[in-house]
C-alpha atoms as a PDB file:
ATOM      1  CA  UNK A   1       9.142 -45.540 -41.994  1.00  0.00           C
ATOM      2  CA  UNK A   2      12.140 -47.596 -40.922  1.00  0.00           C
ATOM      3  CA  UNK A   3      14.140 -47.355 -37.729  1.00  0.00           C
ATOM      4  CA  UNK A   4      17.546 -49.018 -37.631  1.00  0.00           C
ATOM      5  CA  UNK A   5      19.396 -49.947 -34.451  1.00  0.00           C
ATOM      6  CA  UNK A   6      22.971 -51.179 -34.668  1.00  0.00           C
ATOM      7  CA  UNK A   7      24.659 -53.284 -31.994  1.00  0.00           C
ATOM      8  CA  UNK A   8      27.570 -55.650 -31.442  1.00  0.00           C
ATOM      9  CA  UNK A   9      30.503 -53.283 -31.526  1.00  0.00           C
ATOM     10  CA  UNK A  10      33.268 -53.256 -28.963  1.00  0.00           C
ATOM     11  CA  UNK A  11      36.975 -53.518 -28.334  1.00  0.00           C
ATOM     12  CA  UNK A  12      38.828 -56.326 -30.063  1.00  0.00           C
ATOM     13  CA  UNK A  13      42.480 -57.153 -30.601  1.00  0.00           C
ATOM     14  CA  UNK A  14      43.999 -57.143 -34.083  1.00  0.00           C
ATOM     15  CA  UNK A  15      43.141 -60.414 -35.778  1.00  0.00           C
ATOM     16  CA  UNK A  16      39.973 -60.800 -33.745  1.00  0.00           C
ATOM     17  CA  UNK A  17      36.337 -61.005 -34.793  1.00  0.00           C
ATOM     18  CA  UNK A  18      33.073 -59.216 -34.138  1.00  0.00           C
ATOM     19  CA  UNK A  19      29.531 -59.711 -35.348  1.00  0.00           C
ATOM     20  CA  UNK A  20      27.424 -56.603 -35.807  1.00  0.00           C
ATOM     21  CA  UNK A  21      23.647 -56.629 -35.946  1.00  0.00           C
ATOM     22  CA  UNK A  22      21.180 -54.118 -37.332  1.00  0.00           C
ATOM     23  CA  UNK A  23      17.592 -54.520 -36.239  1.00  0.00           C
ATOM     24  CA  UNK A  24      15.019 -52.812 -38.408  1.00  0.00           C
ATOM     25  CA  UNK A  25      11.468 -51.861 -37.621  1.00  0.00           C
ATOM     26  CA  UNK A  26       8.915 -51.510 -40.369  1.00  0.00           C
ATOM     27  CA  UNK A  27       7.597 -53.925 -42.964  1.00  0.00           C
ATOM     28  CA  UNK A  28       9.445 -52.150 -45.760  1.00  0.00           C
ATOM     29  CA  UNK A  29      12.737 -53.730 -44.657  1.00  0.00           C
ATOM     30  CA  UNK A  30      12.252 -56.796 -46.826  1.00  0.00           C
ATOM     31  CA  UNK A  31      12.029 -54.642 -49.938  1.00  0.00           C
ATOM     32  CA  UNK A  32      15.246 -52.716 -49.270  1.00  0.00           C
ATOM     33  CA  UNK A  33      18.738 -53.354 -50.463  1.00  0.00           C
ATOM     34  CA  UNK A  34      20.709 -52.939 -47.231  1.00  0.00           C
ATOM     35  CA  UNK A  35      24.275 -51.962 -46.498  1.00  0.00           C
ATOM     36  CA  UNK A  36      26.844 -51.400 -43.816  1.00  0.00           C
ATOM     37  CA  UNK A  37      28.860 -48.193 -43.768  1.00  0.00           C
ATOM     38  CA  UNK A  38      31.615 -46.984 -41.482  1.00  0.00           C
ATOM     39  CA  UNK A  39      33.120 -43.695 -40.466  1.00  0.00           C
ATOM     40  CA  UNK A  40      36.501 -43.283 -38.821  1.00  0.00           C
ATOM     41  CA  UNK A  41      37.386 -40.083 -36.955  1.00  0.00           C
ATOM     42  CA  UNK A  42      38.121 -37.247 -39.349  1.00  0.00           C
ATOM     43  CA  UNK A  43      37.095 -39.277 -42.383  1.00  0.00           C
ATOM     44  CA  UNK A  44      34.048 -39.560 -44.586  1.00  0.00           C
ATOM     45  CA  UNK A  45      31.497 -42.309 -44.196  1.00  0.00           C
ATOM     46  CA  UNK A  46      32.418 -45.194 -46.490  1.00  0.00           C
ATOM     47  CA  UNK A  47      30.513 -48.127 -47.886  1.00  0.00           C
ATOM     48  CA  UNK A  48      31.544 -51.471 -46.392  1.00  0.00           C
ATOM     49  CA  UNK A  49      29.176 -54.007 -47.958  1.00  0.00           C
ATOM     50  CA  UNK A  50      25.712 -54.339 -49.455  1.00  0.00           C
ATOM     51  CA  UNK A  51      23.134 -57.095 -49.684  1.00  0.00           C
ATOM     52  CA  UNK A  52      20.125 -57.237 -51.979  1.00  0.00           C
ATOM     53  CA  UNK A  53      16.661 -58.377 -51.039  1.00  0.00           C
ATOM     54  CA  UNK A  54      17.530 -61.797 -52.446  1.00  0.00           C
ATOM     55  CA  UNK A  55      20.893 -62.087 -50.724  1.00  0.00           C
ATOM     56  CA  UNK A  56      23.397 -61.048 -53.395  1.00  0.00           C
ATOM     57  CA  UNK A  57      26.347 -59.295 -51.824  1.00  0.00           C
ATOM     58  CA  UNK A  58      28.981 -56.708 -52.632  1.00  0.00           C
ATOM     59  CA  UNK A  59      32.096 -55.805 -50.635  1.00  0.00           C
ATOM     60  CA  UNK A  60      34.494 -52.917 -50.748  1.00  0.00           C
ATOM     61  CA  UNK A  61      37.929 -54.179 -51.737  1.00  0.00           C
ATOM     62  CA  UNK A  62      39.464 -53.799 -48.273  1.00  0.00           C
ATOM     63  CA  UNK A  63      36.780 -56.071 -46.764  1.00  0.00           C
ATOM     64  CA  UNK A  64      36.765 -58.895 -49.292  1.00  0.00           C
ATOM     65  CA  UNK A  65      37.595 -62.207 -47.698  1.00  0.00           C
ATOM     66  CA  UNK A  66      37.344 -60.830 -44.164  1.00  0.00           C
ATOM     67  CA  UNK A  67      33.789 -59.496 -43.786  1.00  0.00           C
ATOM     68  CA  UNK A  68      30.486 -61.230 -44.493  1.00  0.00           C
ATOM     69  CA  UNK A  69      27.160 -59.452 -44.768  1.00  0.00           C
ATOM     70  CA  UNK A  70      23.937 -61.400 -44.333  1.00  0.00           C
ATOM     71  CA  UNK A  71      20.286 -60.770 -43.607  1.00  0.00           C
ATOM     72  CA  UNK A  72      17.378 -62.533 -41.962  1.00  0.00           C
ATOM     73  CA  UNK A  73      14.193 -61.090 -43.421  1.00  0.00           C
ATOM     74  CA  UNK A  74      12.060 -62.986 -40.921  1.00  0.00           C
ATOM     75  CA  UNK A  75      13.837 -61.149 -38.118  1.00  0.00           C
ATOM     76  CA  UNK A  76      14.207 -57.834 -39.984  1.00  0.00           C
ATOM     77  CA  UNK A  77      17.912 -57.962 -39.223  1.00  0.00           C
ATOM     78  CA  UNK A  78      21.122 -57.433 -41.149  1.00  0.00           C
ATOM     79  CA  UNK A  79      24.439 -58.785 -39.882  1.00  0.00           C
ATOM     80  CA  UNK A  80      28.093 -58.061 -40.509  1.00  0.00           C
ATOM     81  CA  UNK A  81      30.563 -60.753 -39.512  1.00  0.00           C
ATOM     82  CA  UNK A  82      34.015 -59.207 -39.302  1.00  0.00           C
ATOM     83  CA  UNK A  83      37.090 -61.428 -39.099  1.00  0.00           C
ATOM     84  CA  UNK A  84      40.827 -60.720 -39.142  1.00  0.00           C
ATOM     85  CA  UNK A  85      40.187 -57.210 -37.873  1.00  0.00           C
ATOM     86  CA  UNK A  86      42.874 -54.599 -38.352  1.00  0.00           C
ATOM     87  CA  UNK A  87      43.495 -51.315 -36.552  1.00  0.00           C
ATOM     88  CA  UNK A  88      42.340 -49.478 -39.676  1.00  0.00           C
ATOM     89  CA  UNK A  89      38.912 -51.143 -39.333  1.00  0.00           C
ATOM     90  CA  UNK A  90      38.246 -49.081 -36.224  1.00  0.00           C
ATOM     91  CA  UNK A  91      35.247 -46.830 -36.858  1.00  0.00           C
ATOM     92  CA  UNK A  92      31.614 -46.276 -36.083  1.00  0.00           C
ATOM     93  CA  UNK A  93      29.623 -48.754 -38.145  1.00  0.00           C
ATOM     94  CA  UNK A  94      26.162 -47.923 -39.444  1.00  0.00           C
ATOM     95  CA  UNK A  95      23.557 -49.784 -41.401  1.00  0.00           C
ATOM     96  CA  UNK A  96      21.239 -48.152 -43.894  1.00  0.00           C
ATOM     97  CA  UNK A  97      19.574 -48.834 -47.161  1.00  0.00           C
ATOM     98  CA  UNK A  98      21.632 -48.645 -50.327  1.00  0.00           C
ATOM     99  CA  UNK A  99      21.657 -45.988 -51.600  1.00  0.00           C
ATOM    100  CA  UNK A 100      21.454 -44.594 -48.073  1.00  0.00           C
ATOM    101  CA  UNK A 101      18.387 -42.697 -46.926  1.00  0.00           C
ATOM    102  CA  UNK A 102      19.117 -39.717 -44.700  1.00  0.00           C
ATOM    103  CA  UNK A 103      16.145 -40.424 -42.455  1.00  0.00           C
ATOM    104  CA  UNK A 104      17.361 -43.966 -41.734  1.00  0.00           C
ATOM    105  CA  UNK A 105      20.722 -43.152 -40.135  1.00  0.00           C
ATOM    106  CA  UNK A 106      20.955 -44.481 -36.585  1.00  0.00           C
ATOM    107  CA  UNK A 107      23.513 -44.024 -33.831  1.00  0.00           C
ATOM    108  CA  UNK A 108      25.866 -46.650 -35.145  1.00  0.00           C
ATOM    109  CA  UNK A 109      28.029 -49.007 -33.140  1.00  0.00           C
ATOM    110  CA  UNK A 110      31.657 -48.322 -32.244  1.00  0.00           C
ATOM    111  CA  UNK A 111      34.337 -50.809 -33.242  1.00  0.00           C
ATOM    112  CA  UNK A 112      37.779 -50.383 -31.706  1.00  0.00           C
ATOM    113  CA  UNK A 113      40.686 -52.553 -32.802  1.00  0.00           C
ATOM    114  CA  UNK A 114      43.649 -52.284 -30.494  1.00  0.00           C
ATOM    115  CA  UNK A 115      46.077 -54.435 -28.562  1.00  0.00           C
END
C-alpha cells in the first residue's frame, strides 16, 4: 500500500516559481512510474508530467521548458519544479503512479497564480 502526501502549493504571481513535493510511504514507491496531475475548477484531471523508476521524464506540451519532474528514491519523494507560472497553471496538483491508481489519490496541493 502507498500513501501519497503532496505539499508546496501556494499563491504566486505570474512568472513566479513553486516547487511541489510528494512524499510516499511504502517500499513499493521505488518500483512505480510516478506522475503529477492537475485539476482546475470545472475541468478534468490532466496529466502534467511523468518520471520512470530510472528517471526518464515526459511532459505535457504546455509544461515543456517550464516544469521539471524529479524523484529521490532514497527519500521516497517526487518533486515538481514549476517556473514561469501562468494564470492557467492554477489548479490542485496531485501525484500518483502512472497510470494512476484510484487508491493512491491524496488531497493534492493548491496552486494559485494571480497578481
